Amino acid sequence: MSAPTNTQAGSSSLGGRHVDNTDATGSIGAGSREVPLTTHAVDPPENPVTTRPRGPGKGAAGWKLLASIAESSDDAIIGKTLDGVITTWNKSAERIYGYRAEEIIGRPVSLLIPAGLPDEMDEILDRLRSSGRADQYETSRRRKDGAIIPVSLTVSPIHGASGELVGASAIAHDVTDRERTESEIASKETRPARVPRQAHRRTGTAHDRADHARATLSLPEDSAEKRQQQFEDVQLAVFNILEDATADRLRAEAAVKASKNILADLSDAQAEIRALNAELDVRVDQRTAELLLANKNLEAFNYSVAHDLRSPLRSVSGYSEALTDDYGDRLDDTGRGYADRIQAATERMGRLIDDLLLLAQVSRTDINLEPVDLSAEVTALSAELHAREPGRAVRFVIGDGVLVTADHSLIRTVVQNLVENAWKFTAKREDATVEFGTTGPRSTEVCCYVRDNGAGFDPAFAAKLFQPFQRLHAVAEFPGTGIGLASVQRIVERHGGRVWAEGAVDHGATFYFTLKPTQAP
């Protein structure tokens, strides 16, 4: 690997952008290991170098991996020069100390040191110069908001291309939660003596640690070096176990808190569902009451149509017929024409009343589902129409075996309306043809159609076909009441199907409707 492109005594050789805006590469030493680091300023260079490359692989990929590890660490990782100027700052440093990278890089590290520890960094740097080894201890640091937090700090040297000391890296772990937990545990202990917080310090001279041990456990002044080392090992093991227990407890507390949040959200959701169900019940009750009222009004209307309207209509029809029979010879042609028109109007009114009653009946009558052979029904209707008008030569094409599940009486009304319409609207065709069949598979539904080559209709007005009293042709041209197709739509929809039409003027029409198929026994 090539030598670094820029190494200055006043700048650490960290991969990324220096505070003086020059490109450089390097590593953070941690004992005998070296960990490359990058700052927030730029990505690592394409060909980073270090004096002792021991990372995971060579080239940019290895540097990017190590930089990613440092950037995603939960601990604050900070690089600084020998003068104490901050050169690198990862995301966890932002979280722990509150400074953004652009706020702190290039400023003295003394901003993070509480007022009571003014000479701490000088002592740390002096030890690094003399021993060249990592130093680990617990101390306090100051956040941007002025709060003082306890941290576990590991300081390592940073070497230049020639092995000279050019800076230091600090890895800080926030131990606020751990100390709080230790304090809670210590307050519950019944032992007369406990290890003071200062005994938690893992660095300093062996003499200092021995003094703490003797003061706490009353060790004799002439304890052997072996016993002292055993005590330190046991103490460190206890601290490690305590840290692990604290971490487990924090994870358990986080899990319990998350579970409580989930239960709270679930409770809120259940309350909302109950409220929606209650509102839905109220709406259903309101709609049910409205429907019952509408049905009652419809029954009253049907009674009125069936009795109150038919009675005067029969009188008009009877008197017009009597006028023609008894006084026809006294009437001139105009008078007889008037009488005939009265008779025709009363007959048309009678058919209209019948259709209205049928429309009301299909909306509320009970449906009794059973297998129905529509092919047989259409065949019977074609025979009736030919018998009624034997002079017409209408060709019927009827598909075989069209079986559906429907109410026999109601579905016959559908087929009768559609076939009679096809018969009526082909009256002016010499080669009139009426076709009945199905389209597509019959697995989930049967799509039936009635097609003719008659007068057809303008597709722009197709939506009016199934509305009561909406006619697309004059009564004089094609007689009718405009109720039949509305009845067809209501019957099909009550069976859970659909109905629609396609056509063009003078090119015939096709009416489609869907029903459930008959299940094989």
Protein backbone atom coordinates (compact mmCIF):
# COMPACT_ATOMS: atom_id res chain seq x y z
CA MET A 1 0.00 0.00 0.00
CA SER A 2 1.20 3.50 -0.70
CA ALA A 3 2.12 6.00 1.94
CA PRO A 4 -0.41 8.56 3.18
CA THR A 5 -0.84 11.58 1.00
CA ASN A 6 -0.90 14.00 3.92
CA THR A 7 0.38 13.52 7.49
CA GLN A 8 0.74 16.51 9.76
CA ALA A 9 1.73 16.55 13.39
CA GLY A 10 -1.28 18.66 14.18
CA SER A 11 -3.84 16.39 12.51
CA SER A 12 -4.85 12.78 13.14
CA SER A 13 -4.51 10.41 10.21
CA LEU A 14 -8.16 9.35 10.15
CA GLY A 15 -9.80 8.20 6.89
CA GLY A 16 -11.99 11.07 5.66
CA ARG A 17 -11.78 14.91 5.70
CA HIS A 18 -9.54 16.70 8.24
CA VAL A 19 -10.61 19.88 9.94
CA ASP A 20 -8.11 21.68 7.67
CA ASN A 21 -10.09 20.29 4.65
CA THR A 22 -7.29 18.05 3.39
CA ASP A 23 -7.63 14.41 2.45
CA ALA A 24 -5.87 11.87 4.68
CA THR A 25 -6.10 8.29 5.80
CA GLY A 26 -5.15 6.42 8.92
CA SER A 27 -6.46 4.30 11.78
CA ILE A 28 -7.49 4.31 15.40
CA GLY A 29 -5.36 2.03 17.56
CA ALA A 30 -6.98 -0.05 20.26
CA GLY A 31 -4.12 -1.84 22.01
CA SER A 32 -2.42 -3.87 19.31
CA ARG A 33 -5.43 -3.54 16.97
CA GLU A 34 -6.08 -0.77 14.50
CA VAL A 35 -9.64 0.36 13.61
CA PRO A 36 -10.08 2.72 10.63
CA LEU A 37 -12.58 5.54 11.18
CA THR A 38 -14.30 8.12 9.00
CA THR A 39 -16.00 11.40 9.83
CA HIS A 40 -19.37 12.83 8.83
CA ALA A 41 -17.70 15.09 6.27
CA VAL A 42 -17.05 12.73 3.35
CA ASP A 43 -16.95 9.02 2.53
CA PRO A 44 -13.64 7.15 2.93
CA PRO A 45 -11.17 7.67 0.06
CA GLU A 46 -11.12 5.21 -2.82
CA ASN A 47 -7.66 3.86 -1.85
CA PRO A 48 -7.20 4.39 1.91
CA VAL A 49 -3.83 3.51 3.45
CA THR A 50 -2.49 2.99 6.93
CA THR A 51 0.93 2.32 8.33
CA ARG A 52 -0.14 -1.06 9.69
CA PRO A 53 -3.06 -2.42 7.65
CA ARG A 54 -4.76 -5.13 9.69
CA GLY A 55 -8.38 -4.46 8.70
CA PRO A 56 -10.84 -6.91 7.12
CA GLY A 57 -9.42 -7.00 3.62
CA LYS A 58 -7.57 -4.52 1.46
CA GLY A 59 -8.81 -1.64 -0.60
CA ALA A 60 -11.89 0.60 -0.39
CA ALA A 61 -14.26 -2.25 0.53
CA GLY A 62 -12.42 -3.00 3.76
CA TRP A 63 -12.22 0.66 4.72
CA LYS A 64 -15.90 1.22 3.99
CA LEU A 65 -16.80 -1.81 6.13
CA LEU A 66 -14.74 -0.57 9.10
CA ALA A 67 -16.02 2.97 8.69
CA SER A 68 -19.58 1.61 8.68
CA ILE A 69 -18.88 -0.37 11.86
CA ALA A 70 -17.52 2.73 13.61
CA GLU A 71 -20.41 4.87 12.38
CA SER A 72 -23.05 2.37 13.54
CA SER A 73 -21.45 1.78 16.96
CA ASP A 74 -23.60 2.52 20.04
CA ASP A 75 -20.55 4.17 21.64
CA ALA A 76 -19.25 7.65 20.91
CA ILE A 77 -16.02 7.40 18.87
CA ILE A 78 -14.02 10.63 18.74
CA GLY A 79 -10.67 11.42 17.16
CA LYS A 80 -8.48 14.34 18.33
CA THR A 81 -5.05 15.79 17.74
CA LEU A 82 -2.29 15.98 20.34
CA ASP A 83 -3.43 19.56 20.92
CA GLY A 84 -6.87 18.32 21.89
CA VAL A 85 -8.68 19.46 18.69
CA ILE A 86 -11.56 17.18 17.66
CA THR A 87 -11.13 15.70 14.17
CA THR A 88 -13.77 12.97 13.90
CA TRP A 89 -17.26 12.50 15.39
CA ASN A 90 -19.63 9.58 14.79
CA LYS A 91 -23.44 9.44 15.10
CA SER A 92 -23.41 8.00 18.61
CA ALA A 93 -21.24 10.94 19.70
CA GLU A 94 -24.01 13.22 18.43
CA ARG A 95 -26.57 11.23 20.44
CA ILE A 96 -24.56 11.06 23.68
CA TYR A 97 -23.10 14.58 23.75
CA GLY A 98 -25.75 16.49 21.80
CA TYR A 99 -23.35 18.20 19.35
CA ARG A 100 -23.70 17.70 15.60
CA ALA A 101 -20.52 16.90 13.69
CA GLU A 102 -20.45 20.29 11.97
CA GLU A 103 -20.70 22.01 15.36
CA ILE A 104 -17.88 20.22 17.15
CA ILE A 105 -15.24 19.15 14.59
CA GLY A 106 -12.33 21.60 14.78
CA ARG A 107 -13.13 22.70 18.33
CA PRO A 108 -11.22 21.72 21.52
CA VAL A 109 -12.19 18.57 23.36
CA SER A 110 -12.22 20.61 26.58
CA LEU A 111 -15.81 21.55 25.67
CA LEU A 112 -16.78 18.05 26.82
CA ILE A 113 -14.82 18.06 30.10
CA PRO A 114 -16.56 19.29 33.28
CA ALA A 115 -15.05 22.22 35.10
CA GLY A 116 -13.73 19.98 37.89
CA LEU A 117 -11.46 18.00 35.56
CA PRO A 118 -9.38 20.65 33.74
CA ASP A 119 -6.12 18.68 33.52
CA GLU A 120 -7.58 15.26 32.68
CA MET A 121 -6.83 15.27 28.96
CA ASP A 122 -3.27 16.48 29.53
CA GLU A 123 -2.70 13.53 31.87
CA ILE A 124 -4.22 11.11 29.35
CA LEU A 125 -2.09 12.38 26.46
CA ASP A 126 1.04 12.27 28.63
CA ARG A 127 0.37 8.60 29.46
CA LEU A 128 -0.17 7.81 25.76
CA ARG A 129 3.14 9.47 24.86
CA SER A 130 4.99 7.55 27.52
CA SER A 131 3.39 4.09 27.26
CA GLY A 132 1.78 4.10 23.81
CA ARG A 133 -1.00 1.86 25.17
CA ALA A 134 -4.75 2.20 25.49
CA ASP A 135 -6.04 3.67 28.74
CA GLN A 136 -9.46 2.73 30.17
CA TYR A 137 -11.22 4.44 33.04
CA GLU A 138 -14.51 5.90 34.17
CA THR A 139 -15.05 9.65 34.37
CA SER A 140 -17.63 12.35 33.66
CA ARG A 141 -18.39 14.35 30.53
CA ARG A 142 -20.47 17.43 29.79
CA ARG A 143 -23.23 17.44 27.15
CA LYS A 144 -24.15 20.39 24.95
CA ASP A 145 -27.10 21.17 27.24
CA GLY A 146 -24.73 21.36 30.27
CA ALA A 147 -25.78 18.03 31.79
CA ILE A 148 -22.98 15.96 33.35
CA ILE A 149 -23.05 12.27 32.47
CA PRO A 150 -20.86 9.35 33.66
CA VAL A 151 -18.97 7.55 30.90
CA SER A 152 -16.64 4.58 30.57
CA LEU A 153 -13.76 5.91 28.45
CA THR A 154 -11.13 4.04 26.44
CA VAL A 155 -8.39 6.24 24.98
CA SER A 156 -6.07 4.80 22.31
CA PRO A 157 -3.13 6.32 20.42
CA ILE A 158 -3.25 7.22 16.72
CA HIS A 159 0.03 6.79 14.83
CA GLY A 160 1.20 8.48 11.68
CA ALA A 161 2.76 6.92 8.59
CA SER A 162 6.16 6.67 10.29
CA GLY A 163 4.79 5.34 13.54
CA GLU A 164 4.88 8.65 15.37
CA LEU A 165 2.04 9.61 17.74
CA VAL A 166 -0.17 12.13 15.96
CA GLY A 167 -3.41 12.00 17.97
CA ALA A 168 -5.75 9.96 20.10
CA SER A 169 -9.10 8.24 19.77
CA ALA A 170 -11.65 8.08 22.57
CA ILE A 171 -14.45 5.49 22.76
CA ALA A 172 -17.04 6.64 25.32
CA HIS A 173 -19.87 4.46 26.66
CA ASP A 174 -22.69 6.17 28.58
CA VAL A 175 -23.01 4.29 31.91
CA THR A 176 -25.81 6.40 33.39
CA ASP A 177 -28.26 3.48 33.42
CA ARG A 178 -25.67 1.11 34.84
CA GLU A 179 -24.78 3.42 37.72
CA ARG A 180 -28.46 3.97 38.47
CA THR A 181 -28.98 0.21 38.61
CA GLU A 182 -25.90 -0.30 40.79
CA SER A 183 -27.13 2.40 43.13
CA GLU A 184 -30.52 0.68 43.42
CA ILE A 185 -28.85 -2.68 44.10
CA ALA A 186 -26.45 -1.19 46.63
CA SER A 187 -29.29 0.51 48.53
CA LYS A 188 -30.94 -2.91 49.07
CA GLU A 189 -27.85 -4.68 50.33
CA THR A 190 -27.68 -5.49 54.06
CA ARG A 191 -23.89 -5.86 54.24
CA PRO A 192 -22.23 -3.31 56.57
CA ALA A 193 -19.71 -2.35 53.95
CA ARG A 194 -19.79 -2.12 50.17
CA VAL A 195 -17.34 -1.25 47.46
CA PRO A 196 -17.27 2.54 46.95
CA ARG A 197 -17.97 3.87 43.50
CA GLN A 198 -14.33 4.85 43.15
CA ALA A 199 -13.41 1.17 43.32
CA HIS A 200 -15.18 0.72 39.98
CA ARG A 201 -12.37 2.53 38.26
CA ARG A 202 -10.56 -0.01 36.14
CA THR A 203 -7.38 2.01 35.54
CA GLY A 204 -4.93 4.00 37.55
CA THR A 205 -1.97 2.57 39.43
CA ALA A 206 -1.99 -0.84 41.03
CA HIS A 207 -1.24 0.90 44.32
CA ASP A 208 -4.49 2.90 44.12
CA ARG A 209 -6.59 -0.21 43.45
CA ALA A 210 -4.89 -2.08 46.26
CA ASP A 211 -5.62 0.79 48.66
CA HIS A 212 -9.32 0.60 47.77
CA ALA A 213 -9.31 -3.16 48.23
CA ARG A 214 -7.62 -2.92 51.65
CA ALA A 215 -9.97 -0.18 52.82
CA THR A 216 -13.02 -2.20 51.86
CA LEU A 217 -12.05 -5.76 52.66
CA SER A 218 -9.46 -5.06 55.41
CA LEU A 219 -6.67 -6.88 53.60
CA PRO A 220 -3.36 -6.90 55.46
CA GLU A 221 -0.76 -4.36 54.43
CA ASP A 222 1.71 -7.08 53.43
CA SER A 223 -0.68 -8.88 50.99
CA ALA A 224 1.15 -10.73 48.32
CA GLU A 225 1.08 -9.59 44.73
CA LYS A 226 -0.74 -12.80 43.79
CA ARG A 227 -3.58 -12.14 46.23
CA GLN A 228 -3.84 -8.58 44.99
CA GLN A 229 -4.07 -9.77 41.37
CA GLN A 230 -6.70 -12.35 42.34
CA PHE A 231 -8.74 -9.64 44.05
CA GLU A 232 -8.54 -7.43 40.99
CA ASP A 233 -9.61 -10.33 38.74
CA VAL A 234 -12.57 -11.15 40.98
CA GLN A 235 -13.53 -7.49 41.20
CA LEU A 236 -13.41 -7.12 37.41
CA ALA A 237 -15.46 -10.32 36.98
CA VAL A 238 -18.07 -8.99 39.41
CA PHE A 239 -18.25 -5.73 37.53
CA ASN A 240 -18.64 -7.57 34.22
CA ILE A 241 -21.43 -9.73 35.64
CA LEU A 242 -23.10 -6.61 36.99
CA GLU A 243 -22.88 -4.95 33.60
CA ASP A 244 -24.38 -8.02 31.92
CA ALA A 245 -27.15 -8.19 34.51
CA THR A 246 -27.85 -4.50 34.01
CA ALA A 247 -28.04 -4.96 30.25
CA ASP A 248 -30.40 -7.92 30.67
CA ARG A 249 -32.56 -5.91 33.03
CA LEU A 250 -32.71 -2.98 30.64
CA ARG A 251 -33.66 -5.30 27.79
CA ALA A 252 -36.34 -6.89 29.94
CA GLU A 253 -37.67 -3.47 30.94
CA ALA A 254 -37.72 -2.42 27.28
CA ALA A 255 -39.60 -5.61 26.38
CA VAL A 256 -42.13 -5.03 29.17
CA LYS A 257 -42.58 -1.42 28.07
CA ALA A 258 -43.07 -2.50 24.47
CA SER A 259 -45.61 -5.11 25.59
CA LYS A 260 -47.49 -2.49 27.59
CA ASN A 261 -47.52 -0.18 24.59
CA ILE A 262 -48.86 -2.99 22.39
CA LEU A 263 -51.56 -3.80 24.94
CA ALA A 264 -52.47 -0.11 25.19
CA ASP A 265 -52.70 0.16 21.41
CA LEU A 266 -54.77 -3.02 21.31
CA SER A 267 -57.08 -1.69 24.00
CA ASP A 268 -57.52 1.57 22.09
CA ALA A 269 -58.23 -0.35 18.89
CA GLN A 270 -60.79 -2.53 20.65
CA ALA A 271 -62.48 0.53 22.12
CA GLU A 272 -62.60 2.11 18.67
CA ILE A 273 -64.05 -1.08 17.17
CA ARG A 274 -66.70 -1.20 19.90
CA ALA A 275 -67.61 2.41 19.19
CA LEU A 276 -67.81 1.73 15.44
CA ASN A 277 -69.95 -1.36 16.06
CA ALA A 278 -72.30 0.64 18.27
CA GLU A 279 -72.55 3.34 15.61
CA LEU A 280 -73.14 0.68 12.96
CA ASP A 281 -75.91 -0.87 15.07
CA VAL A 282 -77.60 2.52 15.36
CA ARG A 283 -77.37 3.07 11.61
CA VAL A 284 -78.69 -0.42 10.89
CA ASP A 285 -81.62 0.20 13.20
CA GLN A 286 -82.32 3.52 11.48
CA ARG A 287 -82.10 2.00 8.00
CA THR A 288 -84.29 -0.94 9.08
CA ALA A 289 -86.94 1.45 10.39
CA GLU A 290 -86.77 3.45 7.16
CA LEU A 291 -87.09 0.27 5.11
CA LEU A 292 -90.07 -0.92 7.11
CA LEU A 293 -91.75 2.45 6.63
CA ALA A 294 -91.01 2.37 2.89
CA ASN A 295 -92.46 -1.14 2.62
CA LYS A 296 -95.56 -0.06 4.51
CA ASN A 297 -95.99 2.91 2.18
CA LEU A 298 -95.45 0.63 -0.81
CA GLU A 299 -98.10 -1.77 0.42
CA ALA A 300 -100.50 1.12 0.87
CA PHE A 301 -99.71 2.30 -2.66
CA ASN A 302 -100.22 -1.19 -4.06
CA TYR A 303 -103.60 -1.43 -2.35
CA SER A 304 -104.54 1.96 -3.75
CA VAL A 305 -103.47 0.96 -7.26
CA ALA A 306 -105.17 -2.40 -7.09
CA HIS A 307 -108.49 -1.08 -5.83
CA ASP A 308 -108.89 2.69 -5.99
CA LEU A 309 -107.48 3.10 -9.53
CA ARG A 310 -108.91 -0.05 -11.10
CA SER A 311 -112.50 0.74 -10.13
CA PRO A 312 -112.84 4.01 -12.07
CA LEU A 313 -110.76 2.54 -14.88
CA ARG A 314 -113.19 -0.33 -15.26
CA SER A 315 -116.05 2.19 -15.35
CA VAL A 316 -114.42 4.20 -18.14
CA SER A 317 -113.67 1.05 -20.10
CA GLY A 318 -117.21 -0.28 -19.62
CA TYR A 319 -118.93 2.94 -20.63
CA SER A 320 -116.74 3.38 -23.72
CA GLU A 321 -117.50 -0.17 -24.78
CA ALA A 322 -121.25 0.38 -24.16
CA LEU A 323 -121.11 3.59 -26.14
CA THR A 324 -119.64 1.74 -29.11
CA ASP A 325 -122.03 -1.19 -28.87
CA ASP A 326 -125.29 0.70 -28.12
CA TYR A 327 -124.80 3.97 -29.97
CA GLY A 328 -122.26 3.08 -32.61
CA ASP A 329 -124.73 3.52 -35.44
CA ARG A 330 -125.54 7.05 -34.27
CA LEU A 331 -121.88 8.12 -34.14
CA ASP A 332 -120.03 9.38 -37.13
CA ASP A 333 -116.54 8.26 -37.92
CA THR A 334 -114.99 10.87 -35.63
CA GLY A 335 -117.15 9.84 -32.69
CA ARG A 336 -116.37 6.17 -33.17
CA GLY A 337 -112.69 7.09 -33.36
CA TYR A 338 -112.92 8.86 -30.01
CA ALA A 339 -114.62 5.86 -28.45
CA ASP A 340 -111.95 3.50 -29.80
CA ARG A 341 -109.17 5.73 -28.42
CA ILE A 342 -110.83 5.77 -24.99
CA GLN A 343 -110.98 1.99 -25.05
CA ALA A 344 -107.33 1.68 -26.08
CA ALA A 345 -106.23 4.13 -23.38
CA THR A 346 -108.05 2.24 -20.65
CA GLU A 347 -106.51 -1.03 -21.79
CA ARG A 348 -103.04 0.56 -21.75
CA MET A 349 -103.71 1.96 -18.27
CA GLY A 350 -104.73 -1.51 -17.12
CA ARG A 351 -101.48 -2.99 -18.40
CA LEU A 352 -99.52 -0.21 -16.71
CA ILE A 353 -101.20 -0.93 -13.38
CA ASP A 354 -100.43 -4.63 -13.78
CA ASP A 355 -96.77 -3.86 -14.47
CA LEU A 356 -96.52 -1.52 -11.47
CA LEU A 357 -97.98 -4.17 -9.22
CA LEU A 358 -95.52 -6.70 -10.63
CA LEU A 359 -92.59 -4.32 -10.01
CA ALA A 360 -93.67 -3.86 -6.40
CA GLN A 361 -94.24 -7.56 -5.96
CA VAL A 362 -90.78 -8.65 -7.18
CA SER A 363 -89.15 -6.26 -4.69
CA ARG A 364 -90.69 -7.90 -1.62
CA THR A 365 -91.83 -11.40 -2.52
CA ASP A 366 -89.99 -14.35 -0.99
CA ILE A 367 -87.48 -16.15 -3.20
CA ASN A 368 -87.63 -19.94 -3.35
CA LEU A 369 -84.50 -21.19 -5.08
CA GLU A 370 -84.66 -24.34 -7.18
CA PRO A 371 -83.09 -25.71 -10.38
CA VAL A 372 -84.61 -24.10 -13.50
CA ASP A 373 -84.06 -25.10 -17.14
CA LEU A 374 -84.00 -21.76 -18.97
CA SER A 375 -83.63 -23.46 -22.35
CA ALA A 376 -86.99 -25.14 -21.83
CA GLU A 377 -88.59 -21.87 -20.70
CA VAL A 378 -87.42 -19.99 -23.80
CA THR A 379 -88.60 -22.85 -26.04
CA ALA A 380 -92.07 -22.68 -24.46
CA LEU A 381 -92.19 -18.88 -24.86
CA SER A 382 -91.25 -19.10 -28.54
CA ALA A 383 -94.13 -21.53 -29.11
CA GLU A 384 -96.57 -19.19 -27.34
CA LEU A 385 -95.45 -16.19 -29.41
CA HIS A 386 -95.76 -18.07 -32.70
CA ALA A 387 -99.24 -19.24 -31.67
CA ARG A 388 -100.21 -15.68 -30.78
CA GLU A 389 -98.95 -14.23 -34.08
CA PRO A 390 -98.75 -17.08 -36.59
CA GLY A 391 -98.18 -14.70 -39.45
CA ARG A 392 -94.69 -13.76 -38.28
CA ALA A 393 -91.67 -15.79 -39.37
CA VAL A 394 -89.22 -15.32 -36.50
CA ARG A 395 -86.31 -17.74 -36.24
CA PHE A 396 -85.33 -18.80 -32.71
CA VAL A 397 -81.83 -20.09 -31.90
CA ILE A 398 -81.91 -21.61 -28.40
CA GLY A 399 -78.89 -23.04 -26.60
CA ASP A 400 -79.39 -26.39 -24.91
CA GLY A 401 -78.96 -27.27 -21.26
CA VAL A 402 -78.90 -23.80 -19.67
CA LEU A 403 -79.54 -24.73 -16.03
CA VAL A 404 -79.59 -22.16 -13.21
CA THR A 405 -80.60 -21.92 -9.57
CA ALA A 406 -83.41 -19.38 -9.20
CA ASP A 407 -87.01 -18.72 -8.19
CA HIS A 408 -88.98 -20.37 -10.99
CA SER A 409 -91.80 -17.81 -11.16
CA LEU A 410 -89.56 -14.75 -10.97
CA ILE A 411 -86.94 -15.98 -13.43
CA ARG A 412 -89.67 -16.86 -15.93
CA THR A 413 -90.76 -13.21 -15.69
CA VAL A 414 -87.20 -12.16 -16.61
CA VAL A 415 -87.00 -14.46 -19.61
CA GLN A 416 -90.53 -13.56 -20.72
CA ASN A 417 -89.81 -9.81 -20.68
CA LEU A 418 -86.55 -10.17 -22.61
CA VAL A 419 -87.89 -12.63 -25.22
CA GLU A 420 -91.12 -10.66 -25.78
CA ASN A 421 -89.06 -7.45 -26.19
CA ALA A 422 -86.90 -9.19 -28.80
CA TRP A 423 -90.06 -10.38 -30.56
CA LYS A 424 -91.55 -6.87 -30.46
CA PHE A 425 -88.49 -4.96 -31.67
CA THR A 426 -87.94 -7.33 -34.64
CA ALA A 427 -91.47 -6.74 -35.96
CA LYS A 428 -90.14 -4.73 -38.91
CA ARG A 429 -87.56 -7.35 -39.94
CA GLU A 430 -88.40 -9.92 -42.54
CA ASP A 431 -85.46 -12.10 -41.41
CA ALA A 432 -86.10 -11.63 -37.70
CA THR A 433 -83.89 -13.74 -35.42
CA VAL A 434 -84.01 -14.18 -31.65
CA GLU A 435 -81.12 -16.02 -29.97
CA PHE A 436 -80.76 -17.33 -26.41
CA GLY A 437 -77.59 -18.84 -24.93
CA THR A 438 -74.71 -18.41 -22.51
CA THR A 439 -71.17 -17.00 -22.65
CA GLY A 440 -68.02 -18.03 -20.80
CA PRO A 441 -67.54 -20.82 -18.26
CA ARG A 442 -70.33 -21.81 -15.90
CA SER A 443 -68.25 -22.70 -12.83
CA THR A 444 -69.12 -19.75 -10.57
CA GLU A 445 -71.97 -18.06 -12.46
CA VAL A 446 -74.00 -18.49 -15.64
CA CYS A 447 -74.01 -15.49 -17.97
CA CYS A 448 -77.15 -15.73 -20.16
CA TYR A 449 -78.08 -13.50 -23.08
CA VAL A 450 -81.06 -12.73 -25.34
CA ARG A 451 -80.00 -11.29 -28.70
CA ASP A 452 -82.08 -9.96 -31.59
CA ASN A 453 -81.46 -8.21 -34.91
CA GLY A 454 -84.22 -5.68 -34.46
CA ALA A 455 -84.40 -1.91 -34.00
CA GLY A 456 -81.62 -1.73 -31.42
CA PHE A 457 -80.93 1.43 -29.39
CA ASP A 458 -78.49 4.30 -29.03
CA PRO A 459 -75.71 3.17 -26.61
CA ALA A 460 -75.57 6.69 -25.19
CA PHE A 461 -78.95 6.06 -23.54
CA ALA A 462 -78.27 2.52 -22.30
CA ALA A 463 -78.50 3.66 -18.65
CA LYS A 464 -82.16 4.61 -19.13
CA LEU A 465 -83.22 1.15 -20.26
CA PHE A 466 -83.65 -0.24 -16.73
CA GLN A 467 -85.32 2.83 -15.21
CA PRO A 468 -89.13 2.77 -14.78
CA PHE A 469 -91.12 4.71 -17.43
CA GLN A 470 -87.95 5.50 -19.44
CA ARG A 471 -88.59 4.59 -23.08
CA LEU A 472 -86.22 4.97 -26.03
CA HIS A 473 -88.95 4.44 -28.66
CA ALA A 474 -92.34 6.05 -29.15
CA VAL A 475 -95.43 4.15 -28.01
CA ALA A 476 -96.92 4.45 -31.48
CA GLU A 477 -93.81 2.78 -32.95
CA PHE A 478 -93.37 0.03 -30.32
CA PRO A 479 -96.08 -0.26 -27.64
CA GLY A 480 -95.19 -0.83 -23.99
CA THR A 481 -95.25 0.67 -20.49
CA GLY A 482 -91.52 1.09 -19.75
CA ILE A 483 -91.72 -1.10 -16.63
CA GLY A 484 -90.60 -4.51 -17.91
CA LEU A 485 -86.83 -3.98 -17.92
CA ALA A 486 -86.96 -2.34 -14.47
CA SER A 487 -88.62 -5.53 -13.19
CA VAL A 488 -85.94 -7.62 -14.92
CA GLN A 489 -83.16 -5.72 -13.15
CA ARG A 490 -84.75 -6.02 -9.70
CA ILE A 491 -85.35 -9.74 -10.06
CA VAL A 492 -81.80 -10.45 -11.25
CA GLU A 493 -80.25 -8.32 -8.50
CA ARG A 494 -82.37 -10.09 -5.86
CA HIS A 495 -80.80 -13.31 -7.12
CA GLY A 496 -77.33 -11.80 -6.61
CA GLY A 497 -76.70 -11.30 -10.33
CA ARG A 498 -76.10 -8.46 -12.77
CA VAL A 499 -77.88 -7.26 -15.91
CA TRP A 500 -76.69 -5.01 -18.74
CA ALA A 501 -77.31 -4.36 -22.41
CA GLU A 502 -75.39 -3.72 -25.63
CA GLY A 503 -76.75 -2.52 -28.91
CA ALA A 504 -76.76 -0.07 -31.80
CA VAL A 505 -79.51 1.64 -33.77
CA ASP A 506 -80.88 -0.68 -36.53
CA HIS A 507 -78.33 -3.36 -35.56
CA GLY A 508 -80.23 -5.16 -32.82
CA ALA A 509 -79.63 -5.49 -29.10
CA THR A 510 -78.22 -8.04 -26.65
CA PHE A 511 -79.32 -8.24 -23.02
CA TYR A 512 -77.08 -10.11 -20.55
CA PHE A 513 -77.88 -11.35 -17.04
CA THR A 514 -75.99 -13.57 -14.58
CA LEU A 515 -77.31 -16.24 -12.21
CA LYS A 516 -75.89 -18.97 -10.03
CA PRO A 517 -75.41 -22.33 -11.78
CA THR A 518 -77.21 -25.48 -10.73
CA GLN A 519 -74.91 -27.68 -8.63
CA ALA A 520 -74.44 -31.22 -9.87
CA PRO A 521 -76.09 -33.80 -7.57
